[in-house]
mmCIF file of all heavy atoms, coordinates in Angstrom:
data_MODEL
# 
_entry.id   MODEL 
# 
loop_
_atom_site.group_PDB 
_atom_site.id 
_atom_site.type_symbol 
_atom_site.label_atom_id 
_atom_site.label_alt_id 
_atom_site.label_comp_id 
_atom_site.label_asym_id 
_atom_site.label_entity_id 
_atom_site.label_seq_id 
_atom_site.pdbx_PDB_ins_code 
_atom_site.Cartn_x 
_atom_site.Cartn_y 
_atom_site.Cartn_z 
_atom_site.occupancy 
_atom_site.B_iso_or_equiv 
_atom_site.pdbx_formal_charge 
_atom_site.auth_seq_id 
_atom_site.auth_comp_id 
_atom_site.auth_asym_id 
_atom_site.auth_atom_id 
_atom_site.pdbx_PDB_model_num 
ATOM 1   N N   . VAL A 1 1  ? 11.446 5.190   8.936  1.00 0.00 ? 1  VAL A N   1 
ATOM 2   C CA  . VAL A 1 1  ? 11.573 3.740   8.957  1.00 0.00 ? 1  VAL A CA  1 
ATOM 3   C C   . VAL A 1 1  ? 10.387 3.183   9.737  1.00 0.00 ? 1  VAL A C   1 
ATOM 4   O O   . VAL A 1 1  ? 10.193 3.512   10.904 1.00 0.00 ? 1  VAL A O   1 
ATOM 5   C CB  . VAL A 1 1  ? 12.895 3.293   9.626  1.00 0.00 ? 1  VAL A CB  1 
ATOM 6   C CG1 . VAL A 1 1  ? 12.988 1.774   9.642  1.00 0.00 ? 1  VAL A CG1 1 
ATOM 7   C CG2 . VAL A 1 1  ? 14.091 3.908   8.915  1.00 0.00 ? 1  VAL A CG2 1 
ATOM 8   N N   . ILE A 1 2  ? 9.587  2.354   9.089  1.00 0.00 ? 2  ILE A N   1 
ATOM 9   C CA  . ILE A 1 2  ? 8.418  1.736   9.713  1.00 0.00 ? 2  ILE A CA  1 
ATOM 10  C C   . ILE A 1 2  ? 8.646  0.228   9.698  1.00 0.00 ? 2  ILE A C   1 
ATOM 11  O O   . ILE A 1 2  ? 8.857  -0.353  8.635  1.00 0.00 ? 2  ILE A O   1 
ATOM 12  C CB  . ILE A 1 2  ? 7.123  2.086   8.963  1.00 0.00 ? 2  ILE A CB  1 
ATOM 13  C CG1 . ILE A 1 2  ? 6.952  3.610   8.877  1.00 0.00 ? 2  ILE A CG1 1 
ATOM 14  C CG2 . ILE A 1 2  ? 5.917  1.447   9.650  1.00 0.00 ? 2  ILE A CG2 1 
ATOM 15  C CD1 . ILE A 1 2  ? 5.808  4.051   7.988  1.00 0.00 ? 2  ILE A CD1 1 
ATOM 16  N N   . LYS A 1 3  ? 8.586  -0.387  10.895 1.00 0.00 ? 3  LYS A N   1 
ATOM 17  C CA  . LYS A 1 3  ? 8.837  -1.826  11.003 1.00 0.00 ? 3  LYS A CA  1 
ATOM 18  C C   . LYS A 1 3  ? 7.594  -2.569  11.494 1.00 0.00 ? 3  LYS A C   1 
ATOM 19  O O   . LYS A 1 3  ? 6.929  -2.133  12.423 1.00 0.00 ? 3  LYS A O   1 
ATOM 20  C CB  . LYS A 1 3  ? 9.993  -2.095  11.962 1.00 0.00 ? 3  LYS A CB  1 
ATOM 21  C CG  . LYS A 1 3  ? 11.322 -1.600  11.446 1.00 0.00 ? 3  LYS A CG  1 
ATOM 22  C CD  . LYS A 1 3  ? 12.439 -1.968  12.384 1.00 0.00 ? 3  LYS A CD  1 
ATOM 23  C CE  . LYS A 1 3  ? 13.771 -1.482  11.840 1.00 0.00 ? 3  LYS A CE  1 
ATOM 24  N NZ  . LYS A 1 3  ? 14.873 -1.827  12.760 1.00 0.00 ? 3  LYS A NZ  1 
ATOM 25  N N   . ASN A 1 4  ? 7.355  -3.687  10.880 1.00 0.00 ? 4  ASN A N   1 
ATOM 26  C CA  . ASN A 1 4  ? 6.281  -4.609  11.236 1.00 0.00 ? 4  ASN A CA  1 
ATOM 27  C C   . ASN A 1 4  ? 6.866  -5.565  12.276 1.00 0.00 ? 4  ASN A C   1 
ATOM 28  O O   . ASN A 1 4  ? 7.282  -6.667  11.958 1.00 0.00 ? 4  ASN A O   1 
ATOM 29  C CB  . ASN A 1 4  ? 5.826  -5.345  9.969  1.00 0.00 ? 4  ASN A CB  1 
ATOM 30  C CG  . ASN A 1 4  ? 4.685  -6.291  10.182 1.00 0.00 ? 4  ASN A CG  1 
ATOM 31  O OD1 . ASN A 1 4  ? 4.226  -6.495  11.294 1.00 0.00 ? 4  ASN A OD1 1 
ATOM 32  N ND2 . ASN A 1 4  ? 4.238  -6.902  9.102  1.00 0.00 ? 4  ASN A ND2 1 
ATOM 33  N N   . ILE A 1 5  ? 6.908  -5.134  13.536 1.00 0.00 ? 5  ILE A N   1 
ATOM 34  C CA  . ILE A 1 5  ? 7.674  -5.857  14.553 1.00 0.00 ? 5  ILE A CA  1 
ATOM 35  C C   . ILE A 1 5  ? 7.118  -7.226  14.911 1.00 0.00 ? 5  ILE A C   1 
ATOM 36  O O   . ILE A 1 5  ? 7.851  -8.078  15.380 1.00 0.00 ? 5  ILE A O   1 
ATOM 37  C CB  . ILE A 1 5  ? 7.870  -4.999  15.824 1.00 0.00 ? 5  ILE A CB  1 
ATOM 38  C CG1 . ILE A 1 5  ? 6.535  -4.543  16.401 1.00 0.00 ? 5  ILE A CG1 1 
ATOM 39  C CG2 . ILE A 1 5  ? 8.780  -3.832  15.540 1.00 0.00 ? 5  ILE A CG2 1 
ATOM 40  C CD1 . ILE A 1 5  ? 6.657  -3.779  17.706 1.00 0.00 ? 5  ILE A CD1 1 
ATOM 41  N N   . ASP A 1 6  ? 5.829  -7.464  14.694 1.00 0.00 ? 6  ASP A N   1 
ATOM 42  C CA  . ASP A 1 6  ? 5.231  -8.763  15.011 1.00 0.00 ? 6  ASP A CA  1 
ATOM 43  C C   . ASP A 1 6  ? 4.912  -9.586  13.773 1.00 0.00 ? 6  ASP A C   1 
ATOM 44  O O   . ASP A 1 6  ? 4.179  -10.579 13.860 1.00 0.00 ? 6  ASP A O   1 
ATOM 45  C CB  . ASP A 1 6  ? 3.955  -8.563  15.847 1.00 0.00 ? 6  ASP A CB  1 
ATOM 46  C CG  . ASP A 1 6  ? 4.249  -7.981  17.214 1.00 0.00 ? 6  ASP A CG  1 
ATOM 47  O OD1 . ASP A 1 6  ? 5.282  -8.353  17.801 1.00 0.00 ? 6  ASP A OD1 1 
ATOM 48  O OD2 . ASP A 1 6  ? 3.463  -7.148  17.690 1.00 0.00 ? 6  ASP A OD2 1 
ATOM 49  N N   . ASP A 1 7  ? 5.446  -9.168  12.613 1.00 0.00 ? 7  ASP A N   1 
ATOM 50  C CA  . ASP A 1 7  ? 5.168  -9.860  11.345 1.00 0.00 ? 7  ASP A CA  1 
ATOM 51  C C   . ASP A 1 7  ? 3.674  -10.045 11.135 1.00 0.00 ? 7  ASP A C   1 
ATOM 52  O O   . ASP A 1 7  ? 3.192  -11.112 10.759 1.00 0.00 ? 7  ASP A O   1 
ATOM 53  C CB  . ASP A 1 7  ? 5.890  -11.205 11.278 1.00 0.00 ? 7  ASP A CB  1 
ATOM 54  C CG  . ASP A 1 7  ? 7.396  -11.053 11.252 1.00 0.00 ? 7  ASP A CG  1 
ATOM 55  O OD1 . ASP A 1 7  ? 7.878  -9.951  10.944 1.00 0.00 ? 7  ASP A OD1 1 
ATOM 56  O OD2 . ASP A 1 7  ? 8.099  -12.039 11.542 1.00 0.00 ? 7  ASP A OD2 1 
ATOM 57  N N   . ASN A 1 8  ? 2.922  -8.996  11.382 1.00 0.00 ? 8  ASN A N   1 
ATOM 58  C CA  . ASN A 1 8  ? 1.470  -9.008  11.287 1.00 0.00 ? 8  ASN A CA  1 
ATOM 59  C C   . ASN A 1 8  ? 1.039  -8.831  9.838  1.00 0.00 ? 8  ASN A C   1 
ATOM 60  O O   . ASN A 1 8  ? 1.537  -7.940  9.140  1.00 0.00 ? 8  ASN A O   1 
ATOM 61  C CB  . ASN A 1 8  ? 0.917  -7.882  12.170 1.00 0.00 ? 8  ASN A CB  1 
ATOM 62  C CG  . ASN A 1 8  ? -0.571 -7.854  12.211 1.00 0.00 ? 8  ASN A CG  1 
ATOM 63  O OD1 . ASN A 1 8  ? -1.208 -7.409  11.266 1.00 0.00 ? 8  ASN A OD1 1 
ATOM 64  N ND2 . ASN A 1 8  ? -1.137 -8.318  13.317 1.00 0.00 ? 8  ASN A ND2 1 
ATOM 65  N N   . LEU A 1 9  ? 0.117  -9.666  9.376  1.00 0.00 ? 9  LEU A N   1 
ATOM 66  C CA  . LEU A 1 9  ? -0.340 -9.612  7.989  1.00 0.00 ? 9  LEU A CA  1 
ATOM 67  C C   . LEU A 1 9  ? -1.059 -8.295  7.676  1.00 0.00 ? 9  LEU A C   1 
ATOM 68  O O   . LEU A 1 9  ? -0.864 -7.720  6.606  1.00 0.00 ? 9  LEU A O   1 
ATOM 69  C CB  . LEU A 1 9  ? -1.252 -10.797 7.682  1.00 0.00 ? 9  LEU A CB  1 
ATOM 70  C CG  . LEU A 1 9  ? -1.693 -10.933 6.229  1.00 0.00 ? 9  LEU A CG  1 
ATOM 71  C CD1 . LEU A 1 9  ? -0.499 -11.024 5.295  1.00 0.00 ? 9  LEU A CD1 1 
ATOM 72  C CD2 . LEU A 1 9  ? -2.579 -12.155 6.059  1.00 0.00 ? 9  LEU A CD2 1 
ATOM 73  N N   . LEU A 1 10 ? -1.867 -7.784  8.592  1.00 0.00 ? 10 LEU A N   1 
ATOM 74  C CA  . LEU A 1 10 ? -2.536 -6.502  8.380  1.00 0.00 ? 10 LEU A CA  1 
ATOM 75  C C   . LEU A 1 10 ? -1.510 -5.397  8.185  1.00 0.00 ? 10 LEU A C   1 
ATOM 76  O O   . LEU A 1 10 ? -1.615 -4.595  7.249  1.00 0.00 ? 10 LEU A O   1 
ATOM 77  C CB  . LEU A 1 10 ? -3.452 -6.160  9.561  1.00 0.00 ? 10 LEU A CB  1 
ATOM 78  C CG  . LEU A 1 10 ? -4.039 -4.746  9.517  1.00 0.00 ? 10 LEU A CG  1 
ATOM 79  C CD1 . LEU A 1 10 ? -5.141 -4.646  8.469  1.00 0.00 ? 10 LEU A CD1 1 
ATOM 80  C CD2 . LEU A 1 10 ? -4.540 -4.317  10.871 1.00 0.00 ? 10 LEU A CD2 1 
ATOM 81  N N   . VAL A 1 11 ? -0.508 -5.352  9.054  1.00 0.00 ? 11 VAL A N   1 
ATOM 82  C CA  . VAL A 1 11 ? 0.531  -4.324  8.937  1.00 0.00 ? 11 VAL A CA  1 
ATOM 83  C C   . VAL A 1 11 ? 1.271  -4.475  7.614  1.00 0.00 ? 11 VAL A C   1 
ATOM 84  O O   . VAL A 1 11 ? 1.574  -3.493  6.942  1.00 0.00 ? 11 VAL A O   1 
ATOM 85  C CB  . VAL A 1 11 ? 1.506  -4.365  10.133 1.00 0.00 ? 11 VAL A CB  1 
ATOM 86  C CG1 . VAL A 1 11 ? 2.663  -3.393  9.937  1.00 0.00 ? 11 VAL A CG1 1 
ATOM 87  C CG2 . VAL A 1 11 ? 0.761  -4.048  11.434 1.00 0.00 ? 11 VAL A CG2 1 
ATOM 88  N N   . SER A 1 12 ? 1.533  -5.704  7.207  1.00 0.00 ? 12 SER A N   1 
ATOM 89  C CA  . SER A 1 12 ? 2.181  -5.947  5.922  1.00 0.00 ? 12 SER A CA  1 
ATOM 90  C C   . SER A 1 12 ? 1.339  -5.382  4.779  1.00 0.00 ? 12 SER A C   1 
ATOM 91  O O   . SER A 1 12 ? 1.868  -4.736  3.863  1.00 0.00 ? 12 SER A O   1 
ATOM 92  C CB  . SER A 1 12 ? 2.416  -7.441  5.714  1.00 0.00 ? 12 SER A CB  1 
ATOM 93  O OG  . SER A 1 12 ? 3.051  -7.685  4.480  1.00 0.00 ? 12 SER A OG  1 
ATOM 94  N N   . ASP A 1 13 ? 0.033  -5.584  4.833  1.00 0.00 ? 13 ASP A N   1 
ATOM 95  C CA  . ASP A 1 13 ? -0.856 -5.059  3.794  1.00 0.00 ? 13 ASP A CA  1 
ATOM 96  C C   . ASP A 1 13 ? -0.877 -3.526  3.807  1.00 0.00 ? 13 ASP A C   1 
ATOM 97  O O   . ASP A 1 13 ? -0.905 -2.886  2.754  1.00 0.00 ? 13 ASP A O   1 
ATOM 98  C CB  . ASP A 1 13 ? -2.266 -5.606  3.970  1.00 0.00 ? 13 ASP A CB  1 
ATOM 99  C CG  . ASP A 1 13 ? -2.367 -7.093  3.646  1.00 0.00 ? 13 ASP A CG  1 
ATOM 100 O OD1 . ASP A 1 13 ? -1.416 -7.641  3.050  1.00 0.00 ? 13 ASP A OD1 1 
ATOM 101 O OD2 . ASP A 1 13 ? -3.391 -7.700  3.993  1.00 0.00 ? 13 ASP A OD2 1 
ATOM 102 N N   . ILE A 1 14 ? -0.873 -2.946  5.006  1.00 0.00 ? 14 ILE A N   1 
ATOM 103 C CA  . ILE A 1 14 ? -0.826 -1.478  5.119  1.00 0.00 ? 14 ILE A CA  1 
ATOM 104 C C   . ILE A 1 14 ? 0.473  -0.960  4.505  1.00 0.00 ? 14 ILE A C   1 
ATOM 105 O O   . ILE A 1 14 ? 0.470  -0.011  3.714  1.00 0.00 ? 14 ILE A O   1 
ATOM 106 C CB  . ILE A 1 14 ? -0.953 -1.033  6.590  1.00 0.00 ? 14 ILE A CB  1 
ATOM 107 C CG1 . ILE A 1 14 ? -2.352 -1.343  7.132  1.00 0.00 ? 14 ILE A CG1 1 
ATOM 108 C CG2 . ILE A 1 14 ? -0.643 0.468   6.727  1.00 0.00 ? 14 ILE A CG2 1 
ATOM 109 C CD1 . ILE A 1 14 ? -2.481 -1.196  8.636  1.00 0.00 ? 14 ILE A CD1 1 
ATOM 110 N N   . LEU A 1 15 ? 1.582  -1.603  4.843  1.00 0.00 ? 15 LEU A N   1 
ATOM 111 C CA  . LEU A 1 15 ? 2.878  -1.174  4.303  1.00 0.00 ? 15 LEU A CA  1 
ATOM 112 C C   . LEU A 1 15 ? 2.953  -1.380  2.794  1.00 0.00 ? 15 LEU A C   1 
ATOM 113 O O   . LEU A 1 15 ? 3.568  -0.580  2.086  1.00 0.00 ? 15 LEU A O   1 
ATOM 114 C CB  . LEU A 1 15 ? 4.017  -1.909  5.007  1.00 0.00 ? 15 LEU A CB  1 
ATOM 115 C CG  . LEU A 1 15 ? 4.220  -1.561  6.485  1.00 0.00 ? 15 LEU A CG  1 
ATOM 116 C CD1 . LEU A 1 15 ? 5.333  -2.408  7.077  1.00 0.00 ? 15 LEU A CD1 1 
ATOM 117 C CD2 . LEU A 1 15 ? 4.506  -0.087  6.665  1.00 0.00 ? 15 LEU A CD2 1 
ATOM 118 N N   . SER A 1 16 ? 2.316  -2.421  2.299  1.00 0.00 ? 16 SER A N   1 
ATOM 119 C CA  . SER A 1 16 ? 2.294  -2.656  0.856  1.00 0.00 ? 16 SER A CA  1 
ATOM 120 C C   . SER A 1 16 ? 1.545  -1.530  0.137  1.00 0.00 ? 16 SER A C   1 
ATOM 121 O O   . SER A 1 16 ? 2.012  -1.007  -0.881 1.00 0.00 ? 16 SER A O   1 
ATOM 122 C CB  . SER A 1 16 ? 1.637  -4.003  0.559  1.00 0.00 ? 16 SER A CB  1 
ATOM 123 O OG  . SER A 1 16 ? 1.578  -4.229  -0.823 1.00 0.00 ? 16 SER A OG  1 
ATOM 124 N N   . SER A 1 17 ? 0.394  -1.150  0.670  1.00 0.00 ? 17 SER A N   1 
ATOM 125 C CA  . SER A 1 17 ? -0.360 -0.025  0.087  1.00 0.00 ? 17 SER A CA  1 
ATOM 126 C C   . SER A 1 17 ? 0.442  1.256   0.173  1.00 0.00 ? 17 SER A C   1 
ATOM 127 O O   . SER A 1 17 ? 0.491  2.047   -0.771 1.00 0.00 ? 17 SER A O   1 
ATOM 128 C CB  . SER A 1 17 ? -1.686 0.166   0.819  1.00 0.00 ? 17 SER A CB  1 
ATOM 129 O OG  . SER A 1 17 ? -2.552 -0.886  0.534  1.00 0.00 ? 17 SER A OG  1 
ATOM 130 N N   . TYR A 1 18 ? 1.079  1.454   1.307  1.00 0.00 ? 18 TYR A N   1 
ATOM 131 C CA  . TYR A 1 18 ? 1.917  2.646   1.501  1.00 0.00 ? 18 TYR A CA  1 
ATOM 132 C C   . TYR A 1 18 ? 3.055  2.661   0.485  1.00 0.00 ? 18 TYR A C   1 
ATOM 133 O O   . TYR A 1 18 ? 3.339  3.692   -0.122 1.00 0.00 ? 18 TYR A O   1 
ATOM 134 C CB  . TYR A 1 18 ? 2.454  2.636   2.936  1.00 0.00 ? 18 TYR A CB  1 
ATOM 135 C CG  . TYR A 1 18 ? 3.369  3.778   3.267  1.00 0.00 ? 18 TYR A CG  1 
ATOM 136 C CD1 . TYR A 1 18 ? 2.926  5.093   3.237  1.00 0.00 ? 18 TYR A CD1 1 
ATOM 137 C CD2 . TYR A 1 18 ? 4.684  3.543   3.634  1.00 0.00 ? 18 TYR A CD2 1 
ATOM 138 C CE1 . TYR A 1 18 ? 3.769  6.145   3.554  1.00 0.00 ? 18 TYR A CE1 1 
ATOM 139 C CE2 . TYR A 1 18 ? 5.530  4.583   3.960  1.00 0.00 ? 18 TYR A CE2 1 
ATOM 140 C CZ  . TYR A 1 18 ? 5.073  5.870   3.920  1.00 0.00 ? 18 TYR A CZ  1 
ATOM 141 O OH  . TYR A 1 18 ? 5.919  6.908   4.238  1.00 0.00 ? 18 TYR A OH  1 
ATOM 142 N N   . GLN A 1 19 ? 3.684  1.515   0.286  1.00 0.00 ? 19 GLN A N   1 
ATOM 143 C CA  . GLN A 1 19 ? 4.778  1.422   -0.678 1.00 0.00 ? 19 GLN A CA  1 
ATOM 144 C C   . GLN A 1 19 ? 4.308  1.810   -2.074 1.00 0.00 ? 19 GLN A C   1 
ATOM 145 O O   . GLN A 1 19 ? 4.985  2.534   -2.793 1.00 0.00 ? 19 GLN A O   1 
ATOM 146 C CB  . GLN A 1 19 ? 5.353  0.012   -0.699 1.00 0.00 ? 19 GLN A CB  1 
ATOM 147 C CG  . GLN A 1 19 ? 6.405  -0.181  -1.775 1.00 0.00 ? 19 GLN A CG  1 
ATOM 148 C CD  . GLN A 1 19 ? 6.697  -1.632  -2.070 1.00 0.00 ? 19 GLN A CD  1 
ATOM 149 O OE1 . GLN A 1 19 ? 6.057  -2.530  -1.528 1.00 0.00 ? 19 GLN A OE1 1 
ATOM 150 N NE2 . GLN A 1 19 ? 7.653  -1.864  -2.936 1.00 0.00 ? 19 GLN A NE2 1 
ATOM 151 N N   . GLN A 1 20 ? 3.131  1.320   -2.483 1.00 0.00 ? 20 GLN A N   1 
ATOM 152 C CA  . GLN A 1 20 ? 2.612  1.622   -3.808 1.00 0.00 ? 20 GLN A CA  1 
ATOM 153 C C   . GLN A 1 20 ? 2.410  3.119   -4.002 1.00 0.00 ? 20 GLN A C   1 
ATOM 154 O O   . GLN A 1 20 ? 2.747  3.665   -5.040 1.00 0.00 ? 20 GLN A O   1 
ATOM 155 C CB  . GLN A 1 20 ? 1.304  0.874   -4.045 1.00 0.00 ? 20 GLN A CB  1 
ATOM 156 C CG  . GLN A 1 20 ? 1.488  -0.615  -4.175 1.00 0.00 ? 20 GLN A CG  1 
ATOM 157 C CD  . GLN A 1 20 ? 0.162  -1.351  -4.215 1.00 0.00 ? 20 GLN A CD  1 
ATOM 158 O OE1 . GLN A 1 20 ? -0.904 -0.765  -4.227 1.00 0.00 ? 20 GLN A OE1 1 
ATOM 159 N NE2 . GLN A 1 20 ? 0.230  -2.675  -4.221 1.00 0.00 ? 20 GLN A NE2 1 
ATOM 160 N N   . VAL A 1 21 ? 1.870  3.771   -2.981 1.00 0.00 ? 21 VAL A N   1 
ATOM 161 C CA  . VAL A 1 21 ? 1.607  5.210   -3.090 1.00 0.00 ? 21 VAL A CA  1 
ATOM 162 C C   . VAL A 1 21 ? 2.901  6.008   -3.022 1.00 0.00 ? 21 VAL A C   1 
ATOM 163 O O   . VAL A 1 21 ? 3.140  6.897   -3.833 1.00 0.00 ? 21 VAL A O   1 
ATOM 164 C CB  . VAL A 1 21 ? 0.623  5.673   -1.988 1.00 0.00 ? 21 VAL A CB  1 
ATOM 165 C CG1 . VAL A 1 21 ? 0.498  7.183   -1.971 1.00 0.00 ? 21 VAL A CG1 1 
ATOM 166 C CG2 . VAL A 1 21 ? -0.733 5.026   -2.185 1.00 0.00 ? 21 VAL A CG2 1 
ATOM 167 N N   . ILE A 1 22 ? 3.742  5.689   -2.058 1.00 0.00 ? 22 ILE A N   1 
ATOM 168 C CA  . ILE A 1 22 ? 4.958  6.485   -1.851 1.00 0.00 ? 22 ILE A CA  1 
ATOM 169 C C   . ILE A 1 22 ? 5.954  6.300   -2.994 1.00 0.00 ? 22 ILE A C   1 
ATOM 170 O O   . ILE A 1 22 ? 6.710  7.206   -3.314 1.00 0.00 ? 22 ILE A O   1 
ATOM 171 C CB  . ILE A 1 22 ? 5.599  6.176   -0.473 1.00 0.00 ? 22 ILE A CB  1 
ATOM 172 C CG1 . ILE A 1 22 ? 6.478  7.329   -0.002 1.00 0.00 ? 22 ILE A CG1 1 
ATOM 173 C CG2 . ILE A 1 22 ? 6.378  4.896   -0.482 1.00 0.00 ? 22 ILE A CG2 1 
ATOM 174 C CD1 . ILE A 1 22 ? 5.766  8.535   0.458  1.00 0.00 ? 22 ILE A CD1 1 
ATOM 175 N N   . SER A 1 23 ? 5.938  5.143   -3.631 1.00 0.00 ? 23 SER A N   1 
ATOM 176 C CA  . SER A 1 23 ? 6.863  4.895   -4.743 1.00 0.00 ? 23 SER A CA  1 
ATOM 177 C C   . SER A 1 23 ? 6.589  5.815   -5.922 1.00 0.00 ? 23 SER A C   1 
ATOM 178 O O   . SER A 1 23 ? 7.494  6.136   -6.687 1.00 0.00 ? 23 SER A O   1 
ATOM 179 C CB  . SER A 1 23 ? 6.781  3.441   -5.206 1.00 0.00 ? 23 SER A CB  1 
ATOM 180 O OG  . SER A 1 23 ? 7.278  2.594   -4.207 1.00 0.00 ? 23 SER A OG  1 
ATOM 181 N N   . THR A 1 24 ? 5.350  6.260   -6.063 1.00 0.00 ? 24 THR A N   1 
ATOM 182 C CA  . THR A 1 24 ? 5.036  7.180   -7.155 1.00 0.00 ? 24 THR A CA  1 
ATOM 183 C C   . THR A 1 24 ? 5.498  8.594   -6.838 1.00 0.00 ? 24 THR A C   1 
ATOM 184 O O   . THR A 1 24 ? 5.651  9.409   -7.728 1.00 0.00 ? 24 THR A O   1 
ATOM 185 C CB  . THR A 1 24 ? 3.522  7.210   -7.437 1.00 0.00 ? 24 THR A CB  1 
ATOM 186 O OG1 . THR A 1 24 ? 2.835  7.700   -6.294 1.00 0.00 ? 24 THR A OG1 1 
ATOM 187 C CG2 . THR A 1 24 ? 3.008  5.846   -7.815 1.00 0.00 ? 24 THR A CG2 1 
ATOM 188 N N   . LYS A 1 25 ? 5.739  8.887   -5.566 1.00 0.00 ? 25 LYS A N   1 
ATOM 189 C CA  . LYS A 1 25 ? 6.126  10.231  -5.155 1.00 0.00 ? 25 LYS A CA  1 
ATOM 190 C C   . LYS A 1 25 ? 7.618  10.356  -4.879 1.00 0.00 ? 25 LYS A C   1 
ATOM 191 O O   . LYS A 1 25 ? 8.147  11.437  -4.814 1.00 0.00 ? 25 LYS A O   1 
ATOM 192 C CB  . LYS A 1 25 ? 5.344  10.647  -3.917 1.00 0.00 ? 25 LYS A CB  1 
ATOM 193 C CG  . LYS A 1 25 ? 3.844  10.597  -4.132 1.00 0.00 ? 25 LYS A CG  1 
ATOM 194 C CD  . LYS A 1 25 ? 3.102  11.281  -3.051 1.00 0.00 ? 25 LYS A CD  1 
ATOM 195 C CE  . LYS A 1 25 ? 1.616  11.278  -3.296 1.00 0.00 ? 25 LYS A CE  1 
ATOM 196 N NZ  . LYS A 1 25 ? 1.180  11.879  -4.515 1.00 0.00 ? 25 LYS A NZ  1 
ATOM 197 N N   . SER A 1 26 ? 8.293  9.247   -4.660 1.00 0.00 ? 26 SER A N   1 
ATOM 198 C CA  . SER A 1 26 ? 9.711  9.269   -4.317 1.00 0.00 ? 26 SER A CA  1 
ATOM 199 C C   . SER A 1 26 ? 10.364 7.997   -4.820 1.00 0.00 ? 26 SER A C   1 
ATOM 200 O O   . SER A 1 26 ? 9.775  6.933   -4.755 1.00 0.00 ? 26 SER A O   1 
ATOM 201 C CB  . SER A 1 26 ? 9.869  9.355   -2.788 1.00 0.00 ? 26 SER A CB  1 
ATOM 202 O OG  . SER A 1 26 ? 11.184 9.071   -2.416 1.00 0.00 ? 26 SER A OG  1 
ATOM 203 N N   . ASN A 1 27 ? 11.584 8.105   -5.311 1.00 0.00 ? 27 ASN A N   1 
ATOM 204 C CA  . ASN A 1 27 ? 12.261 6.897   -5.730 1.00 0.00 ? 27 ASN A CA  1 
ATOM 205 C C   . ASN A 1 27 ? 13.242 6.417   -4.665 1.00 0.00 ? 27 ASN A C   1 
ATOM 206 O O   . ASN A 1 27 ? 14.042 5.554   -4.911 1.00 0.00 ? 27 ASN A O   1 
ATOM 207 C CB  . ASN A 1 27 ? 12.961 7.054   -7.084 1.00 0.00 ? 27 ASN A CB  1 
ATOM 208 C CG  . ASN A 1 27 ? 13.488 8.441   -7.323 1.00 0.00 ? 27 ASN A CG  1 
ATOM 209 O OD1 . ASN A 1 27 ? 13.307 9.332   -6.517 1.00 0.00 ? 27 ASN A OD1 1 
ATOM 210 N ND2 . ASN A 1 27 ? 14.151 8.632   -8.436 1.00 0.00 ? 27 ASN A ND2 1 
ATOM 211 N N   . GLU A 1 28 ? 13.155 6.957   -3.466 1.00 0.00 ? 28 GLU A N   1 
ATOM 212 C CA  . GLU A 1 28 ? 14.017 6.553   -2.364 1.00 0.00 ? 28 GLU A CA  1 
ATOM 213 C C   . GLU A 1 28 ? 13.215 5.715   -1.377 1.00 0.00 ? 28 GLU A C   1 
ATOM 214 O O   . GLU A 1 28 ? 12.898 6.137   -0.275 1.00 0.00 ? 28 GLU A O   1 
ATOM 215 C CB  . GLU A 1 28 ? 14.603 7.784   -1.668 1.00 0.00 ? 28 GLU A CB  1 
ATOM 216 C CG  . GLU A 1 28 ? 15.510 8.624   -2.541 1.00 0.00 ? 28 GLU A CG  1 
ATOM 217 C CD  . GLU A 1 28 ? 16.801 7.903   -2.911 1.00 0.00 ? 28 GLU A CD  1 
ATOM 218 O OE1 . GLU A 1 28 ? 17.282 7.084   -2.110 1.00 0.00 ? 28 GLU A OE1 1 
ATOM 219 O OE2 . GLU A 1 28 ? 17.314 8.155   -4.005 1.00 0.00 ? 28 GLU A OE2 1 
ATOM 220 N N   . VAL A 1 29 ? 12.839 4.507   -1.790 1.00 0.00 ? 29 VAL A N   1 
ATOM 221 C CA  . VAL A 1 29 ? 12.040 3.611   -0.958 1.00 0.00 ? 29 VAL A CA  1 
ATOM 222 C C   . VAL A 1 29 ? 12.741 2.258   -0.911 1.00 0.00 ? 29 VAL A C   1 
ATOM 223 O O   . VAL A 1 29 ? 13.129 1.714   -1.932 1.00 0.00 ? 29 VAL A O   1 
ATOM 224 C CB  . VAL A 1 29 ? 10.611 3.429   -1.522 1.00 0.00 ? 29 VAL A CB  1 
ATOM 225 C CG1 . VAL A 1 29 ? 9.819  2.453   -0.680 1.00 0.00 ? 29 VAL A CG1 1 
ATOM 226 C CG2 . VAL A 1 29 ? 9.899  4.763   -1.619 1.00 0.00 ? 29 VAL A CG2 1 
# 
């Protein structure tokens, strides 16, 4: 579980990229 605790736009973009990659490897996201 990774949380963007300060609602930071950079962290949101990092998590978005991470989501795109991890979604192709796992359907538990």
